[in-house]
Every structure is written in C-alpha cells, then in structure tokens.
N, C-alpha and C. Protein backbone atom coordinates (compact mmCIF):
# COMPACT_ATOMS: atom_id res chain seq x y z
N MET A 1 56.91 -54.37 -57.51
CA MET A 1 56.58 -53.32 -58.49
C MET A 1 55.03 -53.14 -58.56
N VAL A 2 54.58 -51.95 -58.62
CA VAL A 2 53.16 -51.71 -58.69
C VAL A 2 52.68 -51.95 -60.15
N PHE A 3 51.54 -52.60 -60.25
CA PHE A 3 50.94 -52.89 -61.56
C PHE A 3 50.54 -51.60 -62.30
N SER A 4 50.98 -51.47 -63.49
CA SER A 4 50.69 -50.33 -64.39
C SER A 4 50.09 -50.83 -65.64
N PRO A 5 48.76 -50.54 -65.93
CA PRO A 5 48.17 -50.95 -67.13
C PRO A 5 48.92 -50.43 -68.39
N THR A 6 49.37 -49.19 -68.33
CA THR A 6 50.09 -48.62 -69.48
C THR A 6 51.40 -49.36 -69.75
N LEU A 7 52.19 -49.52 -68.66
CA LEU A 7 53.43 -50.27 -68.88
C LEU A 7 53.26 -51.71 -69.30
N THR A 8 52.25 -52.34 -68.73
CA THR A 8 51.89 -53.70 -69.14
C THR A 8 51.46 -53.81 -70.56
N ALA A 9 50.66 -52.89 -70.96
CA ALA A 9 50.26 -52.83 -72.41
C ALA A 9 51.47 -52.69 -73.35
N ALA A 10 52.34 -51.70 -72.92
CA ALA A 10 53.52 -51.53 -73.78
C ALA A 10 54.37 -52.77 -73.85
N ARG A 11 54.50 -53.46 -72.70
CA ARG A 11 55.30 -54.73 -72.72
C ARG A 11 54.61 -55.77 -73.63
N TRP A 12 53.28 -55.81 -73.56
CA TRP A 12 52.58 -56.80 -74.42
C TRP A 12 52.73 -56.46 -75.93
N TYR A 13 52.46 -55.24 -76.28
CA TYR A 13 52.51 -54.88 -77.68
C TYR A 13 53.97 -54.83 -78.23
N PHE A 14 54.91 -54.73 -77.32
CA PHE A 14 56.37 -54.76 -77.72
C PHE A 14 56.85 -56.24 -77.86
N GLY A 15 56.06 -57.15 -77.30
CA GLY A 15 56.37 -58.56 -77.46
C GLY A 15 57.09 -59.13 -76.25
N GLU A 16 57.12 -58.49 -75.13
CA GLU A 16 57.78 -58.96 -73.91
C GLU A 16 56.97 -59.96 -73.14
N LEU A 17 55.63 -59.97 -73.34
CA LEU A 17 54.77 -60.89 -72.57
C LEU A 17 54.20 -61.91 -73.48
N ALA A 18 53.84 -63.06 -72.84
CA ALA A 18 53.32 -64.21 -73.57
C ALA A 18 51.80 -64.34 -73.14
N HIS A 19 51.13 -65.16 -73.94
CA HIS A 19 49.72 -65.41 -73.65
C HIS A 19 49.52 -65.98 -72.24
N GLU A 20 50.44 -66.78 -71.81
CA GLU A 20 50.32 -67.38 -70.47
C GLU A 20 50.41 -66.30 -69.35
N ASP A 21 50.87 -65.12 -69.67
CA ASP A 21 50.94 -63.99 -68.65
C ASP A 21 49.59 -63.35 -68.54
N LEU A 22 48.70 -63.56 -69.50
CA LEU A 22 47.42 -62.82 -69.49
C LEU A 22 46.52 -63.05 -68.28
N PRO A 23 46.38 -64.26 -67.77
CA PRO A 23 45.51 -64.43 -66.53
C PRO A 23 46.02 -63.63 -65.38
N SER A 24 47.30 -63.61 -65.12
CA SER A 24 47.84 -62.84 -63.97
C SER A 24 47.65 -61.31 -64.20
N ILE A 25 47.85 -60.87 -65.43
CA ILE A 25 47.61 -59.46 -65.75
C ILE A 25 46.17 -59.12 -65.47
N ALA A 26 45.24 -59.95 -65.98
CA ALA A 26 43.79 -59.69 -65.76
C ALA A 26 43.43 -59.71 -64.27
N ILE A 27 44.01 -60.57 -63.53
CA ILE A 27 43.70 -60.63 -62.07
C ILE A 27 44.20 -59.33 -61.42
N GLN A 28 45.38 -58.93 -61.77
CA GLN A 28 45.89 -57.69 -61.16
C GLN A 28 45.02 -56.55 -61.51
N ALA A 29 44.58 -56.44 -62.75
CA ALA A 29 43.72 -55.36 -63.19
C ALA A 29 42.41 -55.37 -62.45
N LEU A 30 41.79 -56.53 -62.24
CA LEU A 30 40.59 -56.66 -61.53
C LEU A 30 40.75 -56.19 -60.04
N GLU A 31 41.85 -56.68 -59.51
CA GLU A 31 42.12 -56.30 -58.08
C GLU A 31 42.25 -54.78 -57.94
N LEU A 32 42.71 -54.06 -58.94
CA LEU A 32 42.85 -52.58 -58.91
C LEU A 32 41.55 -51.89 -59.29
N GLY A 33 40.48 -52.66 -59.53
CA GLY A 33 39.17 -52.02 -59.81
C GLY A 33 38.80 -51.92 -61.23
N HIS A 34 39.66 -52.34 -62.16
CA HIS A 34 39.24 -52.39 -63.55
C HIS A 34 38.31 -53.60 -63.71
N ASP A 35 37.36 -53.48 -64.58
CA ASP A 35 36.46 -54.59 -64.77
C ASP A 35 35.94 -54.62 -66.18
N GLY A 36 35.49 -55.77 -66.54
CA GLY A 36 34.93 -55.98 -67.90
C GLY A 36 34.86 -57.45 -68.21
N PRO A 37 34.03 -57.82 -69.18
CA PRO A 37 33.88 -59.20 -69.44
C PRO A 37 35.16 -59.91 -69.99
N MET A 38 36.01 -59.16 -70.73
CA MET A 38 37.17 -59.81 -71.26
C MET A 38 38.23 -59.97 -70.12
N LEU A 39 38.34 -58.99 -69.22
CA LEU A 39 39.27 -59.18 -68.11
C LEU A 39 38.84 -60.37 -67.25
N ARG A 40 37.54 -60.56 -67.05
CA ARG A 40 37.04 -61.68 -66.29
C ARG A 40 37.35 -62.96 -66.96
N ARG A 41 37.16 -63.03 -68.26
CA ARG A 41 37.41 -64.21 -69.00
C ARG A 41 38.87 -64.59 -68.99
N LEU A 42 39.76 -63.63 -69.19
CA LEU A 42 41.15 -63.88 -69.16
C LEU A 42 41.67 -64.34 -67.76
N ALA A 43 41.04 -63.73 -66.73
CA ALA A 43 41.47 -64.09 -65.37
C ALA A 43 41.18 -65.55 -65.05
N GLY A 44 40.19 -66.14 -65.73
CA GLY A 44 39.78 -67.50 -65.48
C GLY A 44 40.52 -68.54 -66.27
N LEU A 45 41.38 -68.08 -67.17
CA LEU A 45 42.13 -69.10 -68.02
C LEU A 45 43.33 -69.63 -67.29
N THR A 46 43.68 -70.87 -67.68
CA THR A 46 44.81 -71.54 -67.14
C THR A 46 45.82 -71.84 -68.27
N LYS A 47 47.00 -71.28 -68.21
CA LYS A 47 48.03 -71.37 -69.22
C LYS A 47 47.52 -71.24 -70.64
N PRO A 48 46.96 -70.12 -70.98
CA PRO A 48 46.42 -69.96 -72.36
C PRO A 48 47.56 -69.85 -73.35
N THR A 49 47.19 -70.21 -74.58
CA THR A 49 48.10 -70.03 -75.75
C THR A 49 47.45 -69.07 -76.75
N SER A 50 48.12 -68.89 -77.84
CA SER A 50 47.58 -67.96 -78.80
C SER A 50 46.30 -68.52 -79.43
N ARG A 51 46.08 -69.82 -79.38
CA ARG A 51 44.86 -70.42 -79.90
C ARG A 51 43.67 -70.14 -78.96
N ASP A 52 43.97 -69.91 -77.70
CA ASP A 52 42.91 -69.71 -76.73
C ASP A 52 42.41 -68.22 -76.70
N VAL A 53 43.25 -67.31 -77.07
CA VAL A 53 42.96 -65.91 -76.96
C VAL A 53 43.28 -65.20 -78.30
N ARG A 54 42.26 -64.56 -78.88
CA ARG A 54 42.47 -63.81 -80.09
C ARG A 54 43.01 -62.38 -79.78
N THR A 55 43.71 -61.87 -80.75
CA THR A 55 44.33 -60.50 -80.59
C THR A 55 43.26 -59.50 -80.20
N ALA A 56 42.11 -59.58 -80.84
CA ALA A 56 41.00 -58.63 -80.55
C ALA A 56 40.54 -58.70 -79.06
N GLU A 57 40.66 -59.85 -78.52
CA GLU A 57 40.23 -60.08 -77.12
C GLU A 57 41.28 -59.41 -76.19
N VAL A 58 42.52 -59.56 -76.49
CA VAL A 58 43.58 -58.89 -75.72
C VAL A 58 43.39 -57.39 -75.80
N ASP A 59 43.20 -56.89 -76.99
CA ASP A 59 42.96 -55.45 -77.17
C ASP A 59 41.78 -55.00 -76.34
N SER A 60 40.69 -55.78 -76.32
CA SER A 60 39.56 -55.46 -75.53
C SER A 60 39.82 -55.40 -74.06
N ALA A 61 40.64 -56.34 -73.58
CA ALA A 61 40.99 -56.34 -72.16
C ALA A 61 41.78 -55.11 -71.81
N PHE A 62 42.71 -54.67 -72.69
CA PHE A 62 43.41 -53.49 -72.36
C PHE A 62 42.58 -52.20 -72.39
N ARG A 63 41.58 -52.23 -73.30
CA ARG A 63 40.61 -51.14 -73.31
C ARG A 63 39.79 -51.04 -72.06
N GLU A 64 39.48 -52.25 -71.48
CA GLU A 64 38.77 -52.29 -70.21
C GLU A 64 39.61 -51.74 -69.10
N MET A 65 40.94 -51.69 -69.27
CA MET A 65 41.85 -51.07 -68.29
C MET A 65 42.09 -49.58 -68.56
N GLY A 66 41.45 -49.12 -69.59
CA GLY A 66 41.55 -47.68 -69.94
C GLY A 66 42.69 -47.33 -70.92
N ILE A 67 43.22 -48.36 -71.58
CA ILE A 67 44.28 -48.16 -72.51
C ILE A 67 43.68 -48.09 -73.93
N SER A 68 44.18 -47.17 -74.76
CA SER A 68 43.75 -47.04 -76.07
C SER A 68 44.47 -48.13 -76.95
N ALA A 69 43.94 -49.34 -76.88
CA ALA A 69 44.57 -50.45 -77.54
C ALA A 69 44.03 -50.67 -78.90
N PRO A 70 44.84 -51.18 -79.77
CA PRO A 70 46.19 -51.62 -79.63
C PRO A 70 47.15 -50.46 -79.68
N LEU A 71 48.34 -50.63 -79.04
CA LEU A 71 49.38 -49.61 -79.08
C LEU A 71 50.25 -49.83 -80.32
N GLU A 72 50.64 -48.77 -80.95
CA GLU A 72 51.58 -48.84 -82.03
C GLU A 72 52.95 -49.19 -81.46
N LYS A 73 53.83 -49.83 -82.24
CA LYS A 73 55.14 -50.20 -81.73
C LYS A 73 55.90 -49.00 -81.25
N ARG A 74 55.84 -47.91 -81.92
CA ARG A 74 56.61 -46.67 -81.54
C ARG A 74 56.08 -46.20 -80.20
N GLU A 75 54.82 -46.20 -79.95
CA GLU A 75 54.30 -45.78 -78.62
C GLU A 75 54.72 -46.71 -77.54
N ALA A 76 54.75 -48.02 -77.81
CA ALA A 76 55.26 -48.98 -76.81
C ALA A 76 56.72 -48.71 -76.54
N GLN A 77 57.48 -48.42 -77.57
CA GLN A 77 58.91 -48.12 -77.33
C GLN A 77 59.11 -46.91 -76.43
N VAL A 78 58.36 -45.87 -76.69
CA VAL A 78 58.52 -44.65 -75.90
C VAL A 78 58.11 -44.90 -74.42
N ILE A 79 57.04 -45.70 -74.22
CA ILE A 79 56.61 -45.98 -72.88
C ILE A 79 57.65 -46.81 -72.14
N LEU A 80 58.27 -47.80 -72.78
CA LEU A 80 59.29 -48.60 -72.16
C LEU A 80 60.49 -47.73 -71.91
N ALA A 81 60.91 -46.91 -72.83
CA ALA A 81 62.04 -46.05 -72.66
C ALA A 81 61.80 -45.00 -71.52
N THR A 82 60.57 -44.53 -71.36
CA THR A 82 60.29 -43.65 -70.27
C THR A 82 60.49 -44.33 -68.91
N GLU A 83 60.12 -45.57 -68.82
CA GLU A 83 60.33 -46.39 -67.63
C GLU A 83 61.80 -46.47 -67.28
N VAL A 84 62.65 -46.70 -68.32
CA VAL A 84 64.08 -46.72 -68.14
C VAL A 84 64.59 -45.41 -67.64
N ALA A 85 64.13 -44.28 -68.26
CA ALA A 85 64.50 -42.97 -67.83
C ALA A 85 64.12 -42.69 -66.38
N ARG A 86 63.03 -43.23 -65.96
CA ARG A 86 62.64 -43.09 -64.49
C ARG A 86 63.69 -43.78 -63.62
N ALA A 87 64.12 -45.01 -64.06
CA ALA A 87 65.10 -45.72 -63.30
C ALA A 87 66.43 -44.93 -63.19
N VAL A 88 66.82 -44.32 -64.32
CA VAL A 88 67.98 -43.45 -64.30
C VAL A 88 67.87 -42.30 -63.38
N ALA A 89 66.75 -41.64 -63.45
CA ALA A 89 66.46 -40.47 -62.67
C ALA A 89 66.48 -40.78 -61.18
N SER A 90 66.02 -41.97 -60.82
CA SER A 90 65.96 -42.34 -59.39
C SER A 90 67.23 -42.97 -58.92
N GLY A 91 68.20 -43.12 -59.80
CA GLY A 91 69.53 -43.69 -59.41
C GLY A 91 69.55 -45.20 -59.45
N LEU A 92 68.51 -45.83 -59.98
CA LEU A 92 68.46 -47.30 -59.99
C LEU A 92 69.15 -47.92 -61.19
N GLN A 93 69.46 -47.14 -62.17
CA GLN A 93 70.18 -47.65 -63.37
C GLN A 93 71.24 -46.69 -63.87
N ASN A 94 72.36 -47.25 -64.25
CA ASN A 94 73.46 -46.51 -64.83
C ASN A 94 73.01 -45.91 -66.19
N PRO A 95 73.28 -44.59 -66.33
CA PRO A 95 72.82 -43.91 -67.59
C PRO A 95 73.37 -44.50 -68.87
N PHE A 96 74.61 -44.88 -68.83
CA PHE A 96 75.26 -45.51 -70.05
C PHE A 96 74.57 -46.85 -70.37
N ASP A 97 74.38 -47.67 -69.37
CA ASP A 97 73.68 -48.98 -69.59
C ASP A 97 72.26 -48.73 -70.13
N ALA A 98 71.58 -47.75 -69.51
CA ALA A 98 70.21 -47.45 -69.84
C ALA A 98 70.10 -46.98 -71.34
N ALA A 99 71.03 -46.09 -71.68
CA ALA A 99 71.01 -45.59 -73.10
C ALA A 99 71.25 -46.76 -74.07
N THR A 100 72.21 -47.61 -73.67
CA THR A 100 72.52 -48.75 -74.59
C THR A 100 71.33 -49.66 -74.69
N HIS A 101 70.60 -49.87 -73.57
CA HIS A 101 69.42 -50.73 -73.57
C HIS A 101 68.36 -50.13 -74.53
N ILE A 102 68.16 -48.81 -74.45
CA ILE A 102 67.22 -48.20 -75.34
C ILE A 102 67.65 -48.27 -76.79
N ASP A 103 68.94 -48.03 -77.02
CA ASP A 103 69.37 -48.08 -78.45
C ASP A 103 69.30 -49.50 -79.06
N ILE A 104 69.78 -50.48 -78.29
CA ILE A 104 69.85 -51.86 -78.79
C ILE A 104 68.58 -52.60 -78.69
N TYR A 105 68.02 -52.64 -77.44
CA TYR A 105 66.88 -53.53 -77.18
C TYR A 105 65.57 -52.87 -77.56
N ILE A 106 65.31 -51.65 -77.10
CA ILE A 106 64.05 -51.04 -77.34
C ILE A 106 63.93 -50.54 -78.80
N CYS A 107 64.99 -49.89 -79.31
CA CYS A 107 64.91 -49.40 -80.64
C CYS A 107 65.45 -50.40 -81.65
N GLY A 108 66.11 -51.38 -81.24
CA GLY A 108 66.62 -52.48 -82.11
C GLY A 108 67.57 -52.01 -83.21
N TRP A 109 68.35 -50.97 -82.89
CA TRP A 109 69.30 -50.38 -83.88
C TRP A 109 68.57 -49.75 -85.03
N GLU A 110 67.28 -49.63 -85.01
CA GLU A 110 66.52 -49.11 -86.09
C GLU A 110 66.33 -47.65 -86.04
N ASP A 111 65.62 -47.07 -86.94
CA ASP A 111 65.26 -45.70 -87.01
C ASP A 111 64.52 -45.39 -85.66
N HIS A 112 64.78 -44.34 -85.04
CA HIS A 112 64.22 -44.06 -83.73
C HIS A 112 63.15 -42.94 -83.82
N SER A 113 62.23 -42.99 -82.92
CA SER A 113 61.23 -41.90 -82.85
C SER A 113 61.99 -40.73 -82.34
N SER A 114 61.45 -39.56 -82.61
CA SER A 114 62.09 -38.31 -82.30
C SER A 114 62.47 -38.26 -80.79
N GLU A 115 61.62 -38.82 -79.96
CA GLU A 115 61.89 -38.75 -78.51
C GLU A 115 63.02 -39.59 -78.05
N LEU A 116 63.36 -40.60 -78.84
CA LEU A 116 64.45 -41.61 -78.47
C LEU A 116 65.73 -41.40 -79.29
N ALA A 117 65.67 -40.60 -80.30
CA ALA A 117 66.80 -40.43 -81.21
C ALA A 117 68.01 -39.91 -80.53
N ARG A 118 67.87 -38.88 -79.68
CA ARG A 118 69.06 -38.26 -78.95
C ARG A 118 69.72 -39.34 -78.04
N ILE A 119 68.90 -40.08 -77.29
CA ILE A 119 69.51 -41.08 -76.42
C ILE A 119 70.25 -42.16 -77.20
N ALA A 120 69.69 -42.60 -78.30
CA ALA A 120 70.34 -43.64 -79.14
C ALA A 120 71.63 -43.05 -79.72
N THR A 121 71.61 -41.86 -80.15
CA THR A 121 72.82 -41.24 -80.75
C THR A 121 73.92 -41.15 -79.69
N LEU A 122 73.58 -40.70 -78.53
CA LEU A 122 74.54 -40.60 -77.43
C LEU A 122 75.05 -41.96 -77.00
N SER A 123 74.23 -42.96 -77.06
CA SER A 123 74.73 -44.31 -76.70
C SER A 123 75.75 -44.79 -77.73
N LYS A 124 75.50 -44.56 -78.98
CA LYS A 124 76.50 -44.91 -80.00
C LYS A 124 77.79 -44.14 -79.78
N GLU A 125 77.70 -42.89 -79.51
CA GLU A 125 78.90 -42.04 -79.27
C GLU A 125 79.62 -42.56 -78.09
N ALA A 126 78.95 -42.90 -77.05
CA ALA A 126 79.61 -43.33 -75.78
C ALA A 126 80.37 -44.62 -75.99
N ARG A 127 79.86 -45.48 -76.83
CA ARG A 127 80.52 -46.85 -77.04
C ARG A 127 81.91 -46.69 -77.57
N ARG A 128 82.13 -45.63 -78.39
CA ARG A 128 83.46 -45.51 -78.99
C ARG A 128 84.19 -44.22 -78.47
N ALA A 129 83.74 -43.66 -77.39
CA ALA A 129 84.37 -42.42 -76.86
C ALA A 129 85.51 -42.79 -75.89
N PRO A 130 86.56 -42.00 -75.95
CA PRO A 130 87.66 -42.17 -74.96
C PRO A 130 87.20 -41.76 -73.63
N ARG A 131 87.84 -42.29 -72.65
CA ARG A 131 87.44 -42.11 -71.21
C ARG A 131 87.31 -40.61 -70.88
N GLN A 132 88.10 -39.72 -71.39
CA GLN A 132 88.03 -38.31 -71.00
C GLN A 132 86.76 -37.62 -71.44
N GLN A 133 86.00 -38.30 -72.34
CA GLN A 133 84.72 -37.77 -72.77
C GLN A 133 83.50 -38.33 -72.01
N TRP A 134 83.72 -39.29 -71.19
CA TRP A 134 82.60 -39.95 -70.43
C TRP A 134 81.81 -39.00 -69.52
N GLN A 135 82.49 -38.17 -68.83
CA GLN A 135 81.81 -37.21 -67.96
C GLN A 135 80.81 -36.33 -68.70
N ARG A 136 81.31 -35.77 -69.86
CA ARG A 136 80.46 -34.93 -70.70
C ARG A 136 79.29 -35.75 -71.24
N LEU A 137 79.56 -36.98 -71.69
CA LEU A 137 78.53 -37.86 -72.28
C LEU A 137 77.52 -38.22 -71.22
N GLU A 138 77.99 -38.47 -70.02
CA GLU A 138 76.97 -38.82 -68.94
C GLU A 138 76.06 -37.64 -68.73
N LYS A 139 76.59 -36.44 -68.64
CA LYS A 139 75.70 -35.26 -68.44
C LYS A 139 74.69 -35.16 -69.59
N GLU A 140 75.19 -35.39 -70.83
CA GLU A 140 74.23 -35.27 -71.98
C GLU A 140 73.20 -36.40 -71.96
N ILE A 141 73.65 -37.55 -71.61
CA ILE A 141 72.66 -38.71 -71.57
C ILE A 141 71.64 -38.41 -70.44
N ARG A 142 72.06 -37.97 -69.28
CA ARG A 142 71.12 -37.65 -68.23
C ARG A 142 70.17 -36.56 -68.69
N ALA A 143 70.66 -35.60 -69.37
CA ALA A 143 69.79 -34.47 -69.87
C ALA A 143 68.79 -34.99 -70.88
N ALA A 144 69.23 -35.93 -71.71
CA ALA A 144 68.31 -36.51 -72.73
C ALA A 144 67.21 -37.34 -72.03
N PHE A 145 67.56 -38.03 -70.93
CA PHE A 145 66.53 -38.77 -70.15
C PHE A 145 65.63 -37.84 -69.50
N THR A 146 66.11 -36.76 -68.97
CA THR A 146 65.26 -35.68 -68.26
C THR A 146 64.30 -35.13 -69.29
N SER A 147 64.77 -34.83 -70.48
CA SER A 147 63.97 -34.29 -71.51
C SER A 147 62.82 -35.28 -71.90
N LEU A 148 63.18 -36.56 -72.03
CA LEU A 148 62.15 -37.57 -72.34
C LEU A 148 61.09 -37.61 -71.21
N LEU A 149 61.51 -37.56 -69.97
CA LEU A 149 60.54 -37.65 -68.90
C LEU A 149 59.69 -36.38 -68.92
N GLN A 150 60.24 -35.19 -69.17
CA GLN A 150 59.43 -33.96 -69.21
C GLN A 150 58.46 -33.99 -70.36
N SER A 151 58.81 -34.56 -71.48
CA SER A 151 57.96 -34.61 -72.63
C SER A 151 56.77 -35.58 -72.44
N ARG A 152 56.94 -36.53 -71.52
CA ARG A 152 55.89 -37.51 -71.27
C ARG A 152 54.97 -37.18 -70.07
N GLU A 153 55.25 -36.08 -69.42
CA GLU A 153 54.42 -35.68 -68.27
C GLU A 153 53.41 -34.68 -68.63
C-alpha cells in the first residue's frame, strides 16, 4: 500500500495507530520528500511511548506532511470511510460488509456526519432485510458509496 499522509493522519486521530508507529510513519514521510525537524526527530526514535512524544509534536509532524493537524474526529471518520468506499468501488470489498464496517466501527453506532448517514442507515436496514431486498439494498449502498467518493473529489 502506498503511504498516504492524509489516511495516516486520519488513522492516528481516529486512534488506530500507536506511538510506536510514529518512527516508521516519519521515515516514510521523509522518503517521500516531506521534511521538517519534528519528522526527523520522530524518525530517530526507538519504540516511543506517549511519554516520549507530546500531542503537539505529533500535530507538528503531520503539519510538516501538509496535513491541517489536528484532525477532528468527524473528518478522520470521513477520510477512513472514503478509503472503504474506494475498496468497494474497485471490487476489493463487499458493499454490505463495508457499510457495516462504517456503521459499527467508524461511526461507532453514534450520530453520523451527513456524508456517512445514508451508508449507516442502509447498513442497519440490510441487517434485518429479507433476502429478496438484498439486490435493491446493494444498489443503494453502492450508490451511497459513489456519492461519498464524488463528494470527496
């Protein structure tokens, strides 16, 4: 997988990454031509913990990668969901599984941003729908993913 500062930042601010991941993230960013004192500092660390790296330093490293850090949780959710939508569009992920992933994992059963509300609603509907409605629901889920992708381009 190609390193994406935006997706990496979303994963960090969503809580998917740990402090020990920061050195490899910084190294990848440096190899791609991003540079800055905080990226260099993080790249030189060995198995850092939260005591070794302050939140402001991580934010600074992401800004050195061109990210408007810190990301709000909602923005991180939409970025992660957009990546899932790309997987569905390219045939790498089942649309029902992807919608459930967004509803349960990314949105956490909570109130959804407007971009993700339709996908989450369709996911809930699909979980209790009889088999004869699956074809219609799949079309609607795919359309919701397409709409999300179009809104993010």
